[in-house]
C-alpha atoms as a PDB file:
ATOM      1  CA  MET A   1     -47.499  41.213 127.403  1.00  0.00           C
ATOM      2  CA  ARG A   2     -48.068  37.876 129.125  1.00  0.00           C
ATOM      3  CA  TYR A   3     -47.814  36.018 125.784  1.00  0.00           C
ATOM      4  CA  LEU A   4     -44.579  37.820 124.949  1.00  0.00           C
ATOM      5  CA  PHE A   5     -43.108  36.682 128.272  1.00  0.00           C
ATOM      6  CA  PHE A   6     -44.078  33.035 127.645  1.00  0.00           C
ATOM      7  CA  ALA A   7     -42.762  33.179 124.079  1.00  0.00           C
ATOM      8  CA  ALA A   8     -39.439  34.535 125.330  1.00  0.00           C
ATOM      9  CA  LEU A   9     -39.299  31.865 128.032  1.00  0.00           C
ATOM     10  CA  LEU A  10     -40.013  29.132 125.466  1.00  0.00           C
ATOM     11  CA  ALA A  11     -37.303  30.480 123.142  1.00  0.00           C
ATOM     12  CA  LEU A  12     -34.822  30.555 126.019  1.00  0.00           C
ATOM     13  CA  THR A  13     -35.703  26.967 126.959  1.00  0.00           C
ATOM     14  CA  VAL A  14     -35.265  25.713 123.391  1.00  0.00           C
ATOM     15  CA  THR A  15     -31.958  27.542 123.038  1.00  0.00           C
ATOM     16  CA  SER A  16     -30.592  26.228 126.326  1.00  0.00           C
ATOM     17  CA  CYS A  17     -31.610  22.661 125.414  1.00  0.00           C
ATOM     18  CA  SER A  18     -29.832  22.773 122.090  1.00  0.00           C
ATOM     19  CA  ASP A  19     -26.722  24.172 123.785  1.00  0.00           C
ATOM     20  CA  LYS A  20     -26.166  21.000 125.842  1.00  0.00           C
ATOM     21  CA  SER A  21     -26.709  18.760 122.829  1.00  0.00           C
ATOM     22  CA  SER A  22     -24.370  20.812 120.680  1.00  0.00           C
ATOM     23  CA  THR A  23     -21.758  20.850 123.468  1.00  0.00           C
ATOM     24  CA  LEU A  24     -21.900  17.055 123.541  1.00  0.00           C
ATOM     25  CA  ILE A  25     -21.113  16.652 119.826  1.00  0.00           C
ATOM     26  CA  GLY A  26     -17.523  15.549 119.285  1.00  0.00           C
ATOM     27  CA  ARG A  27     -14.932  13.057 120.432  1.00  0.00           C
ATOM     28  CA  TRP A  28     -14.382  12.436 124.148  1.00  0.00           C
ATOM     29  CA  GLU A  29     -11.665  10.419 125.878  1.00  0.00           C
ATOM     30  CA  LEU A  30     -12.454   8.357 128.960  1.00  0.00           C
ATOM     31  CA  ASP A  31     -10.159   9.864 131.584  1.00  0.00           C
ATOM     32  CA  GLU A  32     -11.388   8.199 134.752  1.00  0.00           C
ATOM     33  CA  ILE A  33     -14.015   5.863 136.188  1.00  0.00           C
ATOM     34  CA  ASP A  34     -14.979   6.477 139.807  1.00  0.00           C
ATOM     35  CA  TYR A  35     -16.524   3.425 141.491  1.00  0.00           C
ATOM     36  CA  THR A  36     -16.875   4.987 144.960  1.00  0.00           C
ATOM     37  CA  GLU A  37     -20.631   4.325 145.111  1.00  0.00           C
ATOM     38  CA  HIS A  38     -20.169   0.719 143.958  1.00  0.00           C
ATOM     39  CA  TYR A  39     -17.536   0.032 146.619  1.00  0.00           C
ATOM     40  CA  LYS A  40     -20.024   1.038 149.329  1.00  0.00           C
ATOM     41  CA  SER A  41     -22.180  -1.958 148.356  1.00  0.00           C
ATOM     42  CA  ILE A  42     -19.314  -4.464 148.646  1.00  0.00           C
ATOM     43  CA  PRO A  43     -18.489  -6.144 151.964  1.00  0.00           C
ATOM     44  CA  GLU A  44     -15.471  -4.451 153.545  1.00  0.00           C
ATOM     45  CA  GLN A  45     -13.351  -7.627 153.540  1.00  0.00           C
ATOM     46  CA  ALA A  46     -13.627  -7.913 149.722  1.00  0.00           C
ATOM     47  CA  ARG A  47     -13.525  -4.182 148.931  1.00  0.00           C
ATOM     48  CA  GLU A  48      -9.747  -3.790 148.496  1.00  0.00           C
ATOM     49  CA  MET A  49      -9.468  -6.867 146.282  1.00  0.00           C
ATOM     50  CA  ILE A  50     -12.289  -5.582 144.026  1.00  0.00           C
ATOM     51  CA  ARG A  51     -10.790  -2.069 143.971  1.00  0.00           C
ATOM     52  CA  THR A  52      -7.404  -3.466 142.899  1.00  0.00           C
ATOM     53  CA  ALA A  53      -8.978  -5.581 140.132  1.00  0.00           C
ATOM     54  CA  MET A  54     -11.060  -2.655 138.814  1.00  0.00           C
ATOM     55  CA  ASN A  55      -8.062  -0.293 138.855  1.00  0.00           C
ATOM     56  CA  LYS A  56      -6.054  -2.869 136.902  1.00  0.00           C
ATOM     57  CA  ALA A  57      -8.870  -3.247 134.348  1.00  0.00           C
ATOM     58  CA  PHE A  58      -9.169   0.539 133.960  1.00  0.00           C
ATOM     59  CA  LYS A  59      -5.440   0.875 133.207  1.00  0.00           C
ATOM     60  CA  LYS A  60      -6.119  -1.150 130.028  1.00  0.00           C
ATOM     61  CA  LEU A  61      -8.822   1.362 129.001  1.00  0.00           C
ATOM     62  CA  LYS A  62      -7.038   4.618 129.897  1.00  0.00           C
ATOM     63  CA  GLY A  63      -5.873   6.510 126.825  1.00  0.00           C
ATOM     64  CA  LYS A  64      -7.536   3.987 124.512  1.00  0.00           C
ATOM     65  CA  THR A  65     -11.268   4.544 125.072  1.00  0.00           C
ATOM     66  CA  PHE A  66     -13.144   7.195 123.114  1.00  0.00           C
ATOM     67  CA  PHE A  67     -16.808   8.161 122.730  1.00  0.00           C
ATOM     68  CA  THR A  68     -17.766  10.056 119.566  1.00  0.00           C
ATOM     69  CA  PHE A  69     -21.174  11.753 119.644  1.00  0.00           C
ATOM     70  CA  SER A  70     -22.574  12.759 116.242  1.00  0.00           C
ATOM     71  CA  GLU A  71     -25.323  15.278 115.535  1.00  0.00           C
ATOM     72  CA  ASN A  72     -27.693  12.597 114.234  1.00  0.00           C
ATOM     73  CA  GLU A  73     -27.619  10.852 117.643  1.00  0.00           C
ATOM     74  CA  LYS A  74     -25.095   8.280 116.471  1.00  0.00           C
ATOM     75  CA  LEU A  75     -22.552   7.123 119.014  1.00  0.00           C
ATOM     76  CA  THR A  76     -19.256   5.403 118.334  1.00  0.00           C
ATOM     77  CA  LEU A  77     -17.290   3.728 121.114  1.00  0.00           C
ATOM     78  CA  GLU A  78     -13.643   2.814 120.574  1.00  0.00           C
ATOM     79  CA  ALA A  79     -12.243   0.632 123.366  1.00  0.00           C
ATOM     80  CA  PRO A  80      -9.840  -2.251 123.843  1.00  0.00           C
ATOM     81  CA  ASN A  81     -11.335  -5.725 124.234  1.00  0.00           C
ATOM     82  CA  PHE A  82     -10.092  -8.486 126.547  1.00  0.00           C
ATOM     83  CA  LEU A  83      -7.254  -9.192 124.044  1.00  0.00           C
ATOM     84  CA  ASN A  84      -6.229  -5.514 124.259  1.00  0.00           C
ATOM     85  CA  GLN A  85      -7.273  -4.917 120.629  1.00  0.00           C
ATOM     86  CA  VAL A  86      -9.157  -1.668 120.026  1.00  0.00           C
ATOM     87  CA  LYS A  87     -12.661  -2.378 118.730  1.00  0.00           C
ATOM     88  CA  THR A  88     -15.173   0.111 117.383  1.00  0.00           C
ATOM     89  CA  THR A  89     -18.837  -0.297 118.288  1.00  0.00           C
ATOM     90  CA  GLY A  90     -21.666   1.745 116.815  1.00  0.00           C
ATOM     91  CA  GLY A  91     -24.741   2.765 118.721  1.00  0.00           C
ATOM     92  CA  LYS A  92     -27.123   5.613 119.477  1.00  0.00           C
ATOM     93  CA  TRP A  93     -27.317   8.299 122.124  1.00  0.00           C
ATOM     94  CA  LYS A  94     -30.349  10.217 123.316  1.00  0.00           C
ATOM     95  CA  MET A  95     -30.551  13.186 125.657  1.00  0.00           C
ATOM     96  CA  ASN A  96     -33.789  13.563 127.603  1.00  0.00           C
ATOM     97  CA  ASP A  97     -36.003  16.647 127.295  1.00  0.00           C
ATOM     98  CA  ALA A  98     -34.775  18.045 130.620  1.00  0.00           C
ATOM     99  CA  GLN A  99     -31.202  17.856 129.252  1.00  0.00           C
ATOM    100  CA  ASP A 100     -29.961  16.206 132.447  1.00  0.00           C
ATOM    101  CA  SER A 101     -29.480  12.607 131.352  1.00  0.00           C
ATOM    102  CA  LEU A 102     -28.120  10.547 128.473  1.00  0.00           C
ATOM    103  CA  ARG A 103     -29.062   7.120 127.229  1.00  0.00           C
ATOM    104  CA  PHE A 104     -26.596   4.946 125.285  1.00  0.00           C
ATOM    105  CA  LEU A 105     -27.842   2.047 123.183  1.00  0.00           C
ATOM    106  CA  PHE A 106     -25.347  -0.462 121.804  1.00  0.00           C
ATOM    107  CA  SER A 107     -27.036  -3.458 120.147  1.00  0.00           C
ATOM    108  CA  ASP A 108     -29.318  -4.715 122.904  1.00  0.00           C
ATOM    109  CA  GLU A 109     -27.445  -3.004 125.721  1.00  0.00           C
ATOM    110  CA  LEU A 110     -28.954   0.131 127.231  1.00  0.00           C
ATOM    111  CA  GLU A 111     -27.080   2.383 129.658  1.00  0.00           C
ATOM    112  CA  ASN A 112     -28.572   5.398 131.438  1.00  0.00           C
ATOM    113  CA  TYR A 113     -26.445   8.212 132.818  1.00  0.00           C
ATOM    114  CA  HIS A 114     -27.156  11.412 134.710  1.00  0.00           C
ATOM    115  CA  ILE A 115     -25.245  14.428 133.350  1.00  0.00           C
ATOM    116  CA  ASP A 116     -23.375  15.773 136.360  1.00  0.00           C
ATOM    117  CA  ARG A 117     -21.434  18.316 134.290  1.00  0.00           C
ATOM    118  CA  ILE A 118     -20.998  19.188 130.654  1.00  0.00           C
ATOM    119  CA  ASN A 119     -18.909  21.989 129.220  1.00  0.00           C
ATOM    120  CA  ALA A 120     -16.545  22.500 126.304  1.00  0.00           C
ATOM    121  CA  ASP A 121     -13.751  20.522 127.991  1.00  0.00           C
ATOM    122  CA  SER A 122     -15.280  17.881 130.240  1.00  0.00           C
ATOM    123  CA  LEU A 123     -18.253  15.583 130.540  1.00  0.00           C
ATOM    124  CA  ILE A 124     -19.094  13.859 133.815  1.00  0.00           C
ATOM    125  CA  LEU A 125     -21.749  11.149 133.773  1.00  0.00           C
ATOM    126  CA  SER A 126     -22.980   9.016 136.666  1.00  0.00           C
ATOM    127  CA  THR A 127     -25.174   5.945 136.878  1.00  0.00           C
ATOM    128  CA  SER A 128     -26.665   3.874 139.650  1.00  0.00           C
ATOM    129  CA  ASP A 129     -26.764   0.855 137.317  1.00  0.00           C
ATOM    130  CA  VAL A 130     -24.563  -1.983 138.565  1.00  0.00           C
ATOM    131  CA  PRO A 131     -21.769  -1.284 139.022  1.00  0.00           C
ATOM    132  CA  ALA A 132     -22.626   2.269 140.155  1.00  0.00           C
ATOM    133  CA  ARG A 133     -19.992   4.551 138.668  1.00  0.00           C
ATOM    134  CA  THR A 134     -19.063   8.000 137.437  1.00  0.00           C
ATOM    135  CA  LEU A 135     -17.398   8.439 134.049  1.00  0.00           C
ATOM    136  CA  ILE A 136     -15.118  11.403 133.537  1.00  0.00           C
ATOM    137  CA  LEU A 137     -14.519  12.233 129.878  1.00  0.00           C
ATOM    138  CA  LEU A 138     -12.324  14.939 128.373  1.00  0.00           C
ATOM    139  CA  ARG A 139     -12.865  16.454 124.944  1.00  0.00           C
ATOM    140  CA  LYS A 140     -10.325  15.427 122.330  1.00  0.00           C
ATOM    141  CA  THR A 141      -9.443  18.214 119.938  1.00  0.00           C
ATOM    142  CA  ASN A 142      -7.352  16.152 117.526  1.00  0.00           C
END
C-alpha cells in the first residue's frame, strides 16, 4: 500500500509539473513592467526622474513586445529596438524542476525570473536582477 501511495504521489508531481510547462507554451504580450522594487534602491531625489524615463521607455515597448515559448524550449522575443524597429531575437527558456522559476538565455545574456503566477491568460514573472522588476504578460490568441 505504501508503494502505491508513493507511485500516485510521483504521478501527481509529474503531471502537475508538465501542466505549468504546457501552460507556458504560446505567444505572450508584454502588458506591463513594474519597477517598484527597483525604485526603492534609488535615492528619493532622483526617483521621479528615473520613473519618468522608464515609463517613457516602456511606452515604446507596449503593444509591440511579444515572447513566444515553444515546446522544445525555444524562445522568441519580438521587441522594438532603439530606432523603434521591431527585431526578433531567438533564445532558449528553461523551467526549473520545482516549476517556480524560468531562465531565459539570449546569446550570452541570461535572465532569471520567479514565476509569481501562471494561468491560461496571464504570466507574472519577477526578478531581483538589476533593475529589479516584475513583468506582466498576457496570452495572445491571434
